[in-house]
Amino acid sequence: MRTPTTRIPGQTAQPLRFDGTGATHRGYVRDLNEDAILLDPSGAIWAVVDGMGGMRRGDLAAEITTEALAKTILSGDPAEDLWAALEVANTSVLEIARAEGSEGMGATVVAFAQYRGHAAVVWAGDSRGYVLRAGYLQQLTKDHSVVQSLLDRGLITPVEAETHPEAHVVTQAIGVVSPLVAEMVRVEPAPSDRYLLCSDGLSGVVCAAEIAAHLEKAGDPGAAVDALIAAALAAGAPDNVSVVVIDVRAG
């Protein structure tokens, strides 16, 4: 099911170059790292995938989703192309879960793709996408989670959300229902934009102000990734943490 799309204006009149990198860390509490990241040296597609299910093969769900995105051929509309790849992943995860009796196997995902200066972010779950533009950090995604639903309905406050017992319960993900339920936002990148994709292992323990400070201070994507993962580790890293940072430069 498709939800309404949003367009984030920018500049597409001049050629742009996209340079990104990322890393993933098991954290200090989990026995396994069920996260996966997709890095594209060609500068087209990146993603963070957070497997869920533990012994129910969340790591396999993340691997399937990452592979489906890696096979994406961008042909015009990055949002539609990413959506199609995630539909394939969703079907595959559901089929394997039924065949193996691994109900509960799934993955949240946030993916970024660009094609000829037009870009999109598509996501399902609480993995997040942000853009740092002119010193301002904007969250492009909106969590598909129980807590976000309660916030939207005015039943809890943002302060209560931080310690809510269902803080990690998602309402949508790859491998939950068919057809896929996800969301997309179309973006017009501008030179000097810095995009961040992350699992909740980062956003759940590092506040937006600190994320923005690290993104603004770091000289390149690699330094930004290192600083953000270090911040999550310093906060105790109770979950796997994955980070991808993408810079936009004039071509």
Protein backbone atom coordinates (compact mmCIF):
# COMPACT_ATOMS: atom_id res chain seq x y z
CA MET A 1 0.00 0.00 0.00
CA ARG A 2 1.38 3.37 -0.98
CA THR A 3 1.14 6.35 1.31
CA PRO A 4 1.13 9.98 0.06
CA THR A 5 4.50 11.20 -1.13
CA THR A 6 6.25 14.41 -0.18
CA ARG A 7 8.67 16.44 -2.27
CA ILE A 8 11.64 18.14 -0.64
CA PRO A 9 12.70 20.98 -2.99
CA GLY A 10 16.32 21.62 -3.86
CA GLN A 11 18.37 22.29 -6.98
CA THR A 12 18.55 19.98 -9.97
CA ALA A 13 19.68 22.41 -12.68
CA GLN A 14 23.38 21.58 -12.35
CA PRO A 15 25.19 18.23 -12.49
CA LEU A 16 25.62 16.65 -9.08
CA ARG A 17 27.99 14.04 -7.66
CA PHE A 18 27.05 11.68 -4.81
CA ASP A 19 29.69 10.22 -2.51
CA GLY A 20 28.74 7.99 0.41
CA THR A 21 29.99 5.40 2.85
CA GLY A 22 28.75 3.57 5.92
CA ALA A 23 29.40 1.05 8.66
CA THR A 24 27.56 -1.28 11.00
CA HIS A 25 28.40 -2.38 14.57
CA ARG A 26 26.95 -5.14 16.75
CA GLY A 27 26.75 -2.80 19.74
CA TYR A 28 27.42 -3.82 23.33
CA VAL A 29 24.33 -5.90 24.18
CA ARG A 30 23.12 -7.99 21.25
CA ASP A 31 24.80 -11.32 20.50
CA LEU A 32 24.25 -10.97 16.74
CA ASN A 33 24.40 -8.12 14.28
CA GLU A 34 21.19 -8.42 12.26
CA ASP A 35 21.74 -5.09 10.49
CA ALA A 36 22.99 -4.80 6.92
CA ILE A 37 24.03 -1.82 4.83
CA LEU A 38 24.21 -1.24 1.09
CA LEU A 39 26.98 0.97 -0.29
CA ASP A 40 27.16 1.81 -3.98
CA PRO A 41 30.51 3.01 -5.38
CA SER A 42 28.70 4.17 -8.52
CA GLY A 43 26.81 6.74 -6.45
CA ALA A 44 23.26 5.53 -7.11
CA ILE A 45 21.75 3.52 -4.21
CA TRP A 46 22.42 3.20 -0.48
CA ALA A 47 20.43 1.55 2.29
CA VAL A 48 20.30 0.56 5.94
CA VAL A 49 18.36 -2.61 6.78
CA ASP A 50 17.61 -3.65 10.35
CA GLY A 51 16.74 -7.34 10.65
CA MET A 52 14.25 -8.31 13.33
CA GLY A 53 13.22 -11.61 14.78
CA GLY A 54 16.40 -12.82 16.46
CA MET A 55 16.43 -16.59 16.10
CA ARG A 56 13.63 -16.20 13.57
CA ARG A 57 16.25 -15.18 11.02
CA GLY A 58 16.17 -11.41 11.06
CA ASP A 59 19.67 -11.45 9.61
CA LEU A 60 18.41 -13.40 6.60
CA ALA A 61 15.56 -10.93 6.08
CA ALA A 62 18.10 -8.11 6.10
CA GLU A 63 20.31 -9.96 3.62
CA ILE A 64 17.39 -10.64 1.24
CA THR A 65 16.31 -6.99 1.37
CA THR A 66 19.82 -5.69 0.76
CA GLU A 67 20.34 -8.03 -2.20
CA ALA A 68 17.04 -6.98 -3.78
CA LEU A 69 18.03 -3.32 -3.52
CA ALA A 70 21.51 -4.04 -4.91
CA LYS A 71 19.93 -5.51 -8.05
CA THR A 72 17.82 -2.41 -8.68
CA ILE A 73 18.19 -0.85 -12.12
CA LEU A 74 17.32 2.83 -11.93
CA SER A 75 15.33 3.83 -14.98
CA GLY A 76 13.74 7.20 -14.30
CA ASP A 77 11.89 7.51 -10.99
CA PRO A 78 14.08 6.45 -8.05
CA ALA A 79 11.06 6.21 -5.73
CA GLU A 80 9.24 3.75 -7.98
CA ASP A 81 12.42 1.75 -8.62
CA LEU A 82 13.18 1.39 -4.91
CA TRP A 83 9.57 0.47 -4.22
CA ALA A 84 9.67 -2.30 -6.81
CA ALA A 85 12.83 -3.74 -5.26
CA LEU A 86 11.31 -3.71 -1.79
CA GLU A 87 8.18 -5.43 -3.12
CA VAL A 88 10.42 -8.26 -4.35
CA ALA A 89 12.15 -8.45 -0.98
CA ASN A 90 8.85 -8.43 0.89
CA THR A 91 7.50 -11.33 -1.14
CA SER A 92 10.69 -13.34 -0.73
CA VAL A 93 10.82 -12.87 3.05
CA LEU A 94 7.17 -13.82 3.46
CA GLU A 95 7.62 -16.95 1.34
CA ILE A 96 10.72 -18.09 3.25
CA ALA A 97 9.10 -17.37 6.63
CA ARG A 98 6.11 -19.54 5.71
CA ALA A 99 8.27 -22.33 4.31
CA GLU A 100 10.59 -22.44 7.33
CA GLY A 101 8.03 -21.68 10.01
CA SER A 102 9.87 -18.49 10.88
CA GLU A 103 6.91 -16.17 11.39
CA GLY A 104 8.20 -12.94 12.90
CA MET A 105 11.16 -12.82 10.53
CA GLY A 106 11.42 -9.38 8.96
CA ALA A 107 13.42 -6.18 8.54
CA THR A 108 12.94 -2.46 8.69
CA VAL A 109 14.59 -0.54 5.87
CA VAL A 110 15.46 2.94 4.68
CA ALA A 111 16.89 3.35 1.18
CA PHE A 112 18.15 6.35 -0.78
CA ALA A 113 18.57 6.43 -4.56
CA GLN A 114 19.35 9.13 -7.09
CA TYR A 115 19.00 9.21 -10.85
CA ARG A 116 20.10 12.20 -12.95
CA GLY A 117 19.85 14.60 -10.04
CA HIS A 118 16.49 13.39 -8.73
CA ALA A 119 16.43 11.37 -5.53
CA ALA A 120 14.08 9.51 -3.24
CA VAL A 121 13.95 7.89 0.16
CA VAL A 122 11.70 4.86 0.69
CA TRP A 123 11.25 3.22 4.07
CA ALA A 124 9.29 0.73 6.14
CA GLY A 125 9.60 0.66 9.91
CA ASP A 126 11.70 2.88 12.16
CA SER A 127 14.99 3.03 10.28
CA ARG A 128 15.38 6.71 9.48
CA GLY A 129 16.54 9.11 6.79
CA TYR A 130 17.68 12.69 7.39
CA VAL A 131 19.15 15.54 5.37
CA LEU A 132 21.50 18.19 6.72
CA ARG A 133 21.04 21.28 4.54
CA ALA A 134 22.44 24.74 5.31
CA GLY A 135 23.11 23.70 8.91
CA TYR A 136 19.57 22.43 9.53
CA LEU A 137 18.82 18.74 10.13
CA GLN A 138 15.50 17.57 8.71
CA GLN A 139 14.08 14.11 9.33
CA LEU A 140 12.75 12.88 5.99
CA THR A 141 11.10 9.74 7.32
CA LYS A 142 8.36 9.16 9.87
CA ASP A 143 8.58 6.07 12.04
CA HIS A 144 6.11 3.27 11.42
CA SER A 145 5.86 2.41 15.11
CA VAL A 146 3.44 2.07 18.00
CA VAL A 147 4.99 5.07 19.74
CA GLN A 148 4.73 7.29 16.63
CA SER A 149 1.07 6.32 16.28
CA LEU A 150 0.43 7.28 19.90
CA LEU A 151 2.23 10.60 19.35
CA ASP A 152 0.19 11.32 16.23
CA ARG A 153 -3.02 10.73 18.16
CA GLY A 154 -1.91 12.95 21.03
CA LEU A 155 -2.05 10.09 23.54
CA ILE A 156 1.53 10.54 24.76
CA THR A 157 4.03 13.40 24.83
CA PRO A 158 7.47 13.40 23.16
CA VAL A 159 9.03 13.08 26.62
CA GLU A 160 6.88 10.03 27.40
CA ALA A 161 7.78 8.54 24.02
CA GLU A 162 11.46 8.41 24.96
CA THR A 163 10.84 5.85 27.71
CA HIS A 164 7.68 4.15 26.45
CA PRO A 165 7.76 0.34 26.99
CA GLU A 166 6.80 -0.25 23.34
CA ALA A 167 9.45 2.11 21.97
CA HIS A 168 10.88 -0.57 19.65
CA VAL A 169 7.61 -2.05 18.38
CA VAL A 170 7.19 -1.31 14.67
CA THR A 171 3.92 -1.40 12.74
CA GLN A 172 5.38 -1.94 9.27
CA ALA A 173 8.42 -3.76 7.92
CA ILE A 174 9.62 -6.03 5.15
CA GLY A 175 8.03 -9.44 5.70
CA VAL A 176 4.95 -8.28 7.63
CA VAL A 177 2.11 -8.18 5.09
CA SER A 178 1.56 -8.46 1.36
CA PRO A 179 1.36 -6.20 -0.54
CA LEU A 180 4.15 -4.12 0.95
CA VAL A 181 3.18 -1.18 3.14
CA ALA A 182 5.88 1.48 3.02
CA GLU A 183 6.33 5.18 2.45
CA MET A 184 8.34 7.38 0.11
CA VAL A 185 9.58 10.94 -0.16
CA ARG A 186 10.98 12.50 -3.34
CA VAL A 187 13.95 14.82 -2.91
CA GLU A 188 15.61 17.38 -5.17
CA PRO A 189 19.20 17.36 -3.90
CA ALA A 190 21.30 20.48 -3.64
CA PRO A 191 25.10 20.85 -3.53
CA SER A 192 26.41 20.54 0.05
CA ASP A 193 23.48 18.38 1.17
CA ARG A 194 24.50 15.61 3.55
CA TYR A 195 22.09 12.65 3.82
CA LEU A 196 22.00 10.20 6.71
CA LEU A 197 20.44 6.74 6.78
CA CYS A 198 20.46 4.92 10.10
CA SER A 199 18.96 2.12 12.14
CA ASP A 200 17.24 2.84 15.44
CA GLY A 201 20.45 1.73 17.11
CA LEU A 202 21.60 5.30 16.43
CA SER A 203 18.42 7.38 16.58
CA GLY A 204 17.20 5.54 19.67
CA VAL A 205 20.17 6.60 21.80
CA VAL A 206 21.61 9.75 20.19
CA CYS A 207 19.42 12.84 20.07
CA ALA A 208 18.79 14.82 16.90
CA ALA A 209 20.85 17.79 18.08
CA GLU A 210 23.91 15.60 18.65
CA ILE A 211 23.40 13.83 15.30
CA ALA A 212 23.27 17.24 13.59
CA ALA A 213 26.42 18.42 15.36
CA HIS A 214 28.41 15.37 14.27
CA LEU A 215 27.17 15.62 10.69
CA GLU A 216 28.03 19.30 10.48
CA LYS A 217 31.48 18.96 12.07
CA ALA A 218 32.74 15.94 10.11
CA GLY A 219 34.84 16.74 7.07
CA ASP A 220 33.69 13.82 4.92
CA PRO A 221 31.17 10.95 5.00
CA GLY A 222 33.66 8.53 6.55
CA ALA A 223 34.42 10.85 9.43
CA ALA A 224 30.70 11.44 9.97
CA VAL A 225 30.00 7.70 10.06
CA ASP A 226 32.80 7.11 12.58
CA ALA A 227 31.62 9.95 14.82
CA LEU A 228 28.00 8.80 14.83
CA ILE A 229 28.80 5.17 15.61
CA ALA A 230 31.16 6.32 18.36
CA ALA A 231 28.32 8.42 19.81
CA ALA A 232 26.00 5.40 19.86
CA LEU A 233 28.69 3.28 21.52
CA ALA A 234 29.29 6.00 24.10
CA ALA A 235 25.56 5.91 24.87
CA GLY A 236 25.75 2.20 25.64
CA ALA A 237 24.77 0.80 22.22
CA PRO A 238 21.98 -1.53 23.44
CA ASP A 239 21.14 -2.43 19.83
CA ASN A 240 22.98 -2.99 16.56
CA VAL A 241 23.86 0.38 15.04
CA SER A 242 24.20 1.11 11.33
CA VAL A 243 24.97 4.40 9.63
CA VAL A 244 25.29 5.53 6.01
CA VAL A 245 26.24 9.11 5.11
CA ILE A 246 25.98 10.54 1.58
CA ASP A 247 27.39 13.88 0.43
CA VAL A 248 26.17 15.84 -2.58
CA ARG A 249 28.62 17.96 -4.50
CA ALA A 250 28.45 20.01 -7.66
CA GLY A 251 29.59 17.83 -10.54
